[in-house]
Amino acid sequence: YLPPYTSFLPARNCDEGDSKNCREKEKETKSLLECLAFSQLSYLAIFIILICITERHKMKQDPLNFNVLSITIEVISAYGNVGFSTGYSCERQLKPEISCKDKWFGLVGKWSNGGKLILILVMFFGRIKKFNMKGGKAWKLS
């Protein structure tokens, strides 16, 4: 039994026992909140749009480092708690700054505080994805 994520709360497992009754109970107890919930992909799209809004000034000043693809990679990596980053390069600046030095941190290190806060929320949301829309099942090795 290898869980694909870590969780602090035990979840109800419908694979054991009578799965037909379990599915019927889930259909009956569907609340308004569950009906209005978005998919995980739509949450990621919303977070990407919010970060693009908070980083729009840097996207105008430095479009080669701050582009939508780099922001998307950072958000998807944060959602999976992977730690992958595209990085920031002073050589890719359109108007090179004399004081710019390449450092060993990712692109997020150059983001504003609002963008970093949104990314922290994405990371927390990625950790609790099991509790949103029946996020995933565990792998069973036998």
C-alpha atoms as a PDB file:
ATOM      1  CA  TYR A   1       0.000   0.000   0.000  1.00  0.00           C
ATOM      2  CA  LEU A   2       1.673   3.203  -1.196  1.00  0.00           C
ATOM      3  CA  PRO A   3      -0.314   6.416  -0.790  1.00  0.00           C
ATOM      4  CA  PRO A   4       0.251   8.997  -3.565  1.00  0.00           C
ATOM      5  CA  TYR A   5       0.014  11.800  -0.989  1.00  0.00           C
ATOM      6  CA  THR A   6       0.169  12.351   2.733  1.00  0.00           C
ATOM      7  CA  SER A   7      -2.916  13.220   4.698  1.00  0.00           C
ATOM      8  CA  PHE A   8      -3.611  13.922   8.316  1.00  0.00           C
ATOM      9  CA  LEU A   9      -7.233  12.798   8.356  1.00  0.00           C
ATOM     10  CA  PRO A  10      -8.406   9.271   7.591  1.00  0.00           C
ATOM     11  CA  ALA A  11     -10.656   9.050   4.579  1.00  0.00           C
ATOM     12  CA  ARG A  12     -13.533   6.682   4.078  1.00  0.00           C
ATOM     13  CA  ASN A  13     -12.451   3.826   1.830  1.00  0.00           C
ATOM     14  CA  CYS A  14     -15.211   2.600  -0.470  1.00  0.00           C
ATOM     15  CA  ASP A  15     -13.074  -0.097  -2.104  1.00  0.00           C
ATOM     16  CA  GLU A  16     -13.519  -2.408   0.859  1.00  0.00           C
ATOM     17  CA  GLY A  17     -16.858  -4.108   1.310  1.00  0.00           C
ATOM     18  CA  ASP A  18     -19.978  -3.135  -0.557  1.00  0.00           C
ATOM     19  CA  SER A  19     -18.961  -0.507  -3.097  1.00  0.00           C
ATOM     20  CA  LYS A  20     -22.454  -0.290  -4.631  1.00  0.00           C
ATOM     21  CA  ASN A  21     -24.024   0.983  -1.402  1.00  0.00           C
ATOM     22  CA  CYS A  22     -21.112   3.363  -0.917  1.00  0.00           C
ATOM     23  CA  ARG A  23     -21.658   4.953  -4.355  1.00  0.00           C
ATOM     24  CA  GLU A  24     -25.389   5.307  -3.702  1.00  0.00           C
ATOM     25  CA  LYS A  25     -24.742   7.064  -0.377  1.00  0.00           C
ATOM     26  CA  GLU A  26     -22.299   9.445  -2.049  1.00  0.00           C
ATOM     27  CA  LYS A  27     -24.908  10.389  -4.666  1.00  0.00           C
ATOM     28  CA  GLU A  28     -27.560  10.979  -2.005  1.00  0.00           C
ATOM     29  CA  THR A  29     -25.395  13.134   0.252  1.00  0.00           C
ATOM     30  CA  LYS A  30     -24.162  15.496  -2.456  1.00  0.00           C
ATOM     31  CA  SER A  31     -24.265  18.944  -0.942  1.00  0.00           C
ATOM     32  CA  LEU A  32     -24.510  22.350  -2.564  1.00  0.00           C
ATOM     33  CA  LEU A  33     -20.817  22.952  -1.921  1.00  0.00           C
ATOM     34  CA  GLU A  34     -19.901  19.789  -3.811  1.00  0.00           C
ATOM     35  CA  CYS A  35     -22.096  20.835  -6.722  1.00  0.00           C
ATOM     36  CA  LEU A  36     -20.405  24.228  -6.924  1.00  0.00           C
ATOM     37  CA  ALA A  37     -16.854  22.926  -6.549  1.00  0.00           C
ATOM     38  CA  PHE A  38     -14.521  23.282  -9.499  1.00  0.00           C
ATOM     39  CA  SER A  39     -12.227  20.640 -10.860  1.00  0.00           C
ATOM     40  CA  GLN A  40      -8.587  20.625  -9.807  1.00  0.00           C
ATOM     41  CA  LEU A  41      -7.504  21.775 -13.262  1.00  0.00           C
ATOM     42  CA  SER A  42      -9.790  24.800 -13.077  1.00  0.00           C
ATOM     43  CA  TYR A  43      -8.327  25.725  -9.685  1.00  0.00           C
ATOM     44  CA  LEU A  44      -4.852  25.626 -11.223  1.00  0.00           C
ATOM     45  CA  ALA A  45      -5.999  27.842 -14.101  1.00  0.00           C
ATOM     46  CA  ILE A  46      -7.466  30.325 -11.606  1.00  0.00           C
ATOM     47  CA  PHE A  47      -4.225  30.378  -9.599  1.00  0.00           C
ATOM     48  CA  ILE A  48      -2.159  30.906 -12.774  1.00  0.00           C
ATOM     49  CA  ILE A  49      -4.375  33.830 -13.780  1.00  0.00           C
ATOM     50  CA  LEU A  50      -4.126  35.363 -10.289  1.00  0.00           C
ATOM     51  CA  ILE A  51      -0.335  35.110 -10.302  1.00  0.00           C
ATOM     52  CA  CYS A  52      -0.179  36.614 -13.802  1.00  0.00           C
ATOM     53  CA  ILE A  53      -2.253  39.528 -12.500  1.00  0.00           C
ATOM     54  CA  THR A  54       0.014  40.069  -9.485  1.00  0.00           C
ATOM     55  CA  GLU A  55       3.178  39.797 -11.605  1.00  0.00           C
ATOM     56  CA  ARG A  56       1.927  41.814 -14.601  1.00  0.00           C
ATOM     57  CA  HIS A  57       4.441  44.647 -14.097  1.00  0.00           C
ATOM     58  CA  LYS A  58       7.385  42.256 -14.134  1.00  0.00           C
ATOM     59  CA  MET A  59       5.878  40.485 -17.147  1.00  0.00           C
ATOM     60  CA  LYS A  60       5.979  43.823 -19.012  1.00  0.00           C
ATOM     61  CA  GLN A  61       9.509  44.723 -17.909  1.00  0.00           C
ATOM     62  CA  ASP A  62      11.100  41.281 -18.336  1.00  0.00           C
ATOM     63  CA  PRO A  63       8.970  39.189 -20.738  1.00  0.00           C
ATOM     64  CA  LEU A  64      11.628  36.553 -21.419  1.00  0.00           C
ATOM     65  CA  ASN A  65      11.952  35.512 -17.775  1.00  0.00           C
ATOM     66  CA  PHE A  66       8.389  36.284 -16.658  1.00  0.00           C
ATOM     67  CA  ASN A  67       6.169  34.596 -19.229  1.00  0.00           C
ATOM     68  CA  VAL A  68       2.996  32.577 -18.845  1.00  0.00           C
ATOM     69  CA  LEU A  69       4.773  29.283 -19.538  1.00  0.00           C
ATOM     70  CA  SER A  70       7.314  29.858 -16.745  1.00  0.00           C
ATOM     71  CA  ILE A  71       4.559  30.854 -14.327  1.00  0.00           C
ATOM     72  CA  THR A  72       2.527  27.780 -15.316  1.00  0.00           C
ATOM     73  CA  ILE A  73       5.512  25.492 -14.689  1.00  0.00           C
ATOM     74  CA  GLU A  74       6.063  27.082 -11.269  1.00  0.00           C
ATOM     75  CA  VAL A  75       2.378  26.708 -10.306  1.00  0.00           C
ATOM     76  CA  ILE A  76       2.086  23.088 -11.478  1.00  0.00           C
ATOM     77  CA  SER A  77       5.331  22.250  -9.665  1.00  0.00           C
ATOM     78  CA  ALA A  78       4.066  23.894  -6.480  1.00  0.00           C
ATOM     79  CA  TYR A  79       0.725  22.082  -6.760  1.00  0.00           C
ATOM     80  CA  GLY A  80       2.524  18.744  -6.868  1.00  0.00           C
ATOM     81  CA  ASN A  81       5.026  19.889  -4.201  1.00  0.00           C
ATOM     82  CA  VAL A  82       7.825  18.915  -6.583  1.00  0.00           C
ATOM     83  CA  GLY A  83      10.200  21.875  -6.371  1.00  0.00           C
ATOM     84  CA  PHE A  84      10.974  22.163 -10.085  1.00  0.00           C
ATOM     85  CA  SER A  85      11.737  25.674 -11.303  1.00  0.00           C
ATOM     86  CA  THR A  86      12.719  27.333 -14.568  1.00  0.00           C
ATOM     87  CA  GLY A  87      15.000  29.736 -12.733  1.00  0.00           C
ATOM     88  CA  TYR A  88      15.827  33.360 -13.445  1.00  0.00           C
ATOM     89  CA  SER A  89      18.600  34.411 -15.803  1.00  0.00           C
ATOM     90  CA  CYS A  90      20.035  37.918 -16.064  1.00  0.00           C
ATOM     91  CA  GLU A  91      21.169  37.115 -19.612  1.00  0.00           C
ATOM     92  CA  ARG A  92      17.541  36.871 -20.774  1.00  0.00           C
ATOM     93  CA  GLN A  93      16.697  40.453 -19.815  1.00  0.00           C
ATOM     94  CA  LEU A  94      15.748  42.768 -22.684  1.00  0.00           C
ATOM     95  CA  LYS A  95      17.214  45.757 -20.836  1.00  0.00           C
ATOM     96  CA  PRO A  96      20.151  44.351 -18.851  1.00  0.00           C
ATOM     97  CA  GLU A  97      20.609  45.753 -15.358  1.00  0.00           C
ATOM     98  CA  ILE A  98      24.161  46.237 -14.125  1.00  0.00           C
ATOM     99  CA  SER A  99      23.221  45.164 -10.595  1.00  0.00           C
ATOM    100  CA  CYS A 100      21.580  41.894 -11.721  1.00  0.00           C
ATOM    101  CA  LYS A 101      23.425  38.752 -10.651  1.00  0.00           C
ATOM    102  CA  ASP A 102      22.445  35.158 -11.327  1.00  0.00           C
ATOM    103  CA  LYS A 103      21.614  33.401  -8.066  1.00  0.00           C
ATOM    104  CA  TRP A 104      20.712  29.876  -7.018  1.00  0.00           C
ATOM    105  CA  PHE A 105      16.990  30.338  -6.481  1.00  0.00           C
ATOM    106  CA  GLY A 106      14.024  29.800  -8.736  1.00  0.00           C
ATOM    107  CA  LEU A 107      11.879  32.251 -10.602  1.00  0.00           C
ATOM    108  CA  VAL A 108       9.621  32.610  -7.563  1.00  0.00           C
ATOM    109  CA  GLY A 109      12.464  34.363  -5.740  1.00  0.00           C
ATOM    110  CA  LYS A 110      11.912  37.355  -8.038  1.00  0.00           C
ATOM    111  CA  TRP A 111       8.121  37.408  -7.563  1.00  0.00           C
ATOM    112  CA  SER A 112       6.264  39.939  -5.450  1.00  0.00           C
ATOM    113  CA  ASN A 113       4.997  39.037  -1.984  1.00  0.00           C
ATOM    114  CA  GLY A 114       1.448  38.649  -3.300  1.00  0.00           C
ATOM    115  CA  GLY A 115       2.560  36.134  -5.915  1.00  0.00           C
ATOM    116  CA  LYS A 116       4.542  34.190  -3.333  1.00  0.00           C
ATOM    117  CA  LEU A 117       1.520  34.095  -1.013  1.00  0.00           C
ATOM    118  CA  ILE A 118      -0.677  32.744  -3.799  1.00  0.00           C
ATOM    119  CA  LEU A 119       1.951  30.092  -4.540  1.00  0.00           C
ATOM    120  CA  ILE A 120       1.977  29.072  -0.871  1.00  0.00           C
ATOM    121  CA  LEU A 121      -1.808  28.609  -1.115  1.00  0.00           C
ATOM    122  CA  VAL A 122      -1.288  26.482  -4.227  1.00  0.00           C
ATOM    123  CA  MET A 123       1.137  24.282  -2.290  1.00  0.00           C
ATOM    124  CA  PHE A 124      -1.341  23.823   0.568  1.00  0.00           C
ATOM    125  CA  PHE A 125      -4.106  23.110  -1.924  1.00  0.00           C
ATOM    126  CA  GLY A 126      -1.881  20.504  -3.561  1.00  0.00           C
ATOM    127  CA  ARG A 127      -1.356  18.782  -0.225  1.00  0.00           C
ATOM    128  CA  ILE A 128      -5.091  18.512   0.507  1.00  0.00           C
ATOM    129  CA  LYS A 129      -6.213  17.564  -3.007  1.00  0.00           C
ATOM    130  CA  LYS A 130      -7.520  14.222  -1.736  1.00  0.00           C
ATOM    131  CA  PHE A 131     -10.310  16.009   0.096  1.00  0.00           C
ATOM    132  CA  ASN A 132     -11.374  17.959  -2.976  1.00  0.00           C
ATOM    133  CA  MET A 133     -13.511  16.157  -5.558  1.00  0.00           C
ATOM    134  CA  LYS A 134     -12.276  12.686  -4.479  1.00  0.00           C
ATOM    135  CA  GLY A 135      -8.730  13.606  -5.500  1.00  0.00           C
ATOM    136  CA  GLY A 136      -7.096  10.214  -5.842  1.00  0.00           C
ATOM    137  CA  LYS A 137      -6.830   6.634  -4.790  1.00  0.00           C
ATOM    138  CA  ALA A 138      -3.854   4.892  -3.265  1.00  0.00           C
ATOM    139  CA  TRP A 139      -1.802   2.374  -5.202  1.00  0.00           C
ATOM    140  CA  LYS A 140      -2.140  -1.200  -4.025  1.00  0.00           C
ATOM    141  CA  LEU A 141       0.814  -3.447  -4.727  1.00  0.00           C
ATOM    142  CA  SER A 142       0.056  -7.132  -4.414  1.00  0.00           C
END
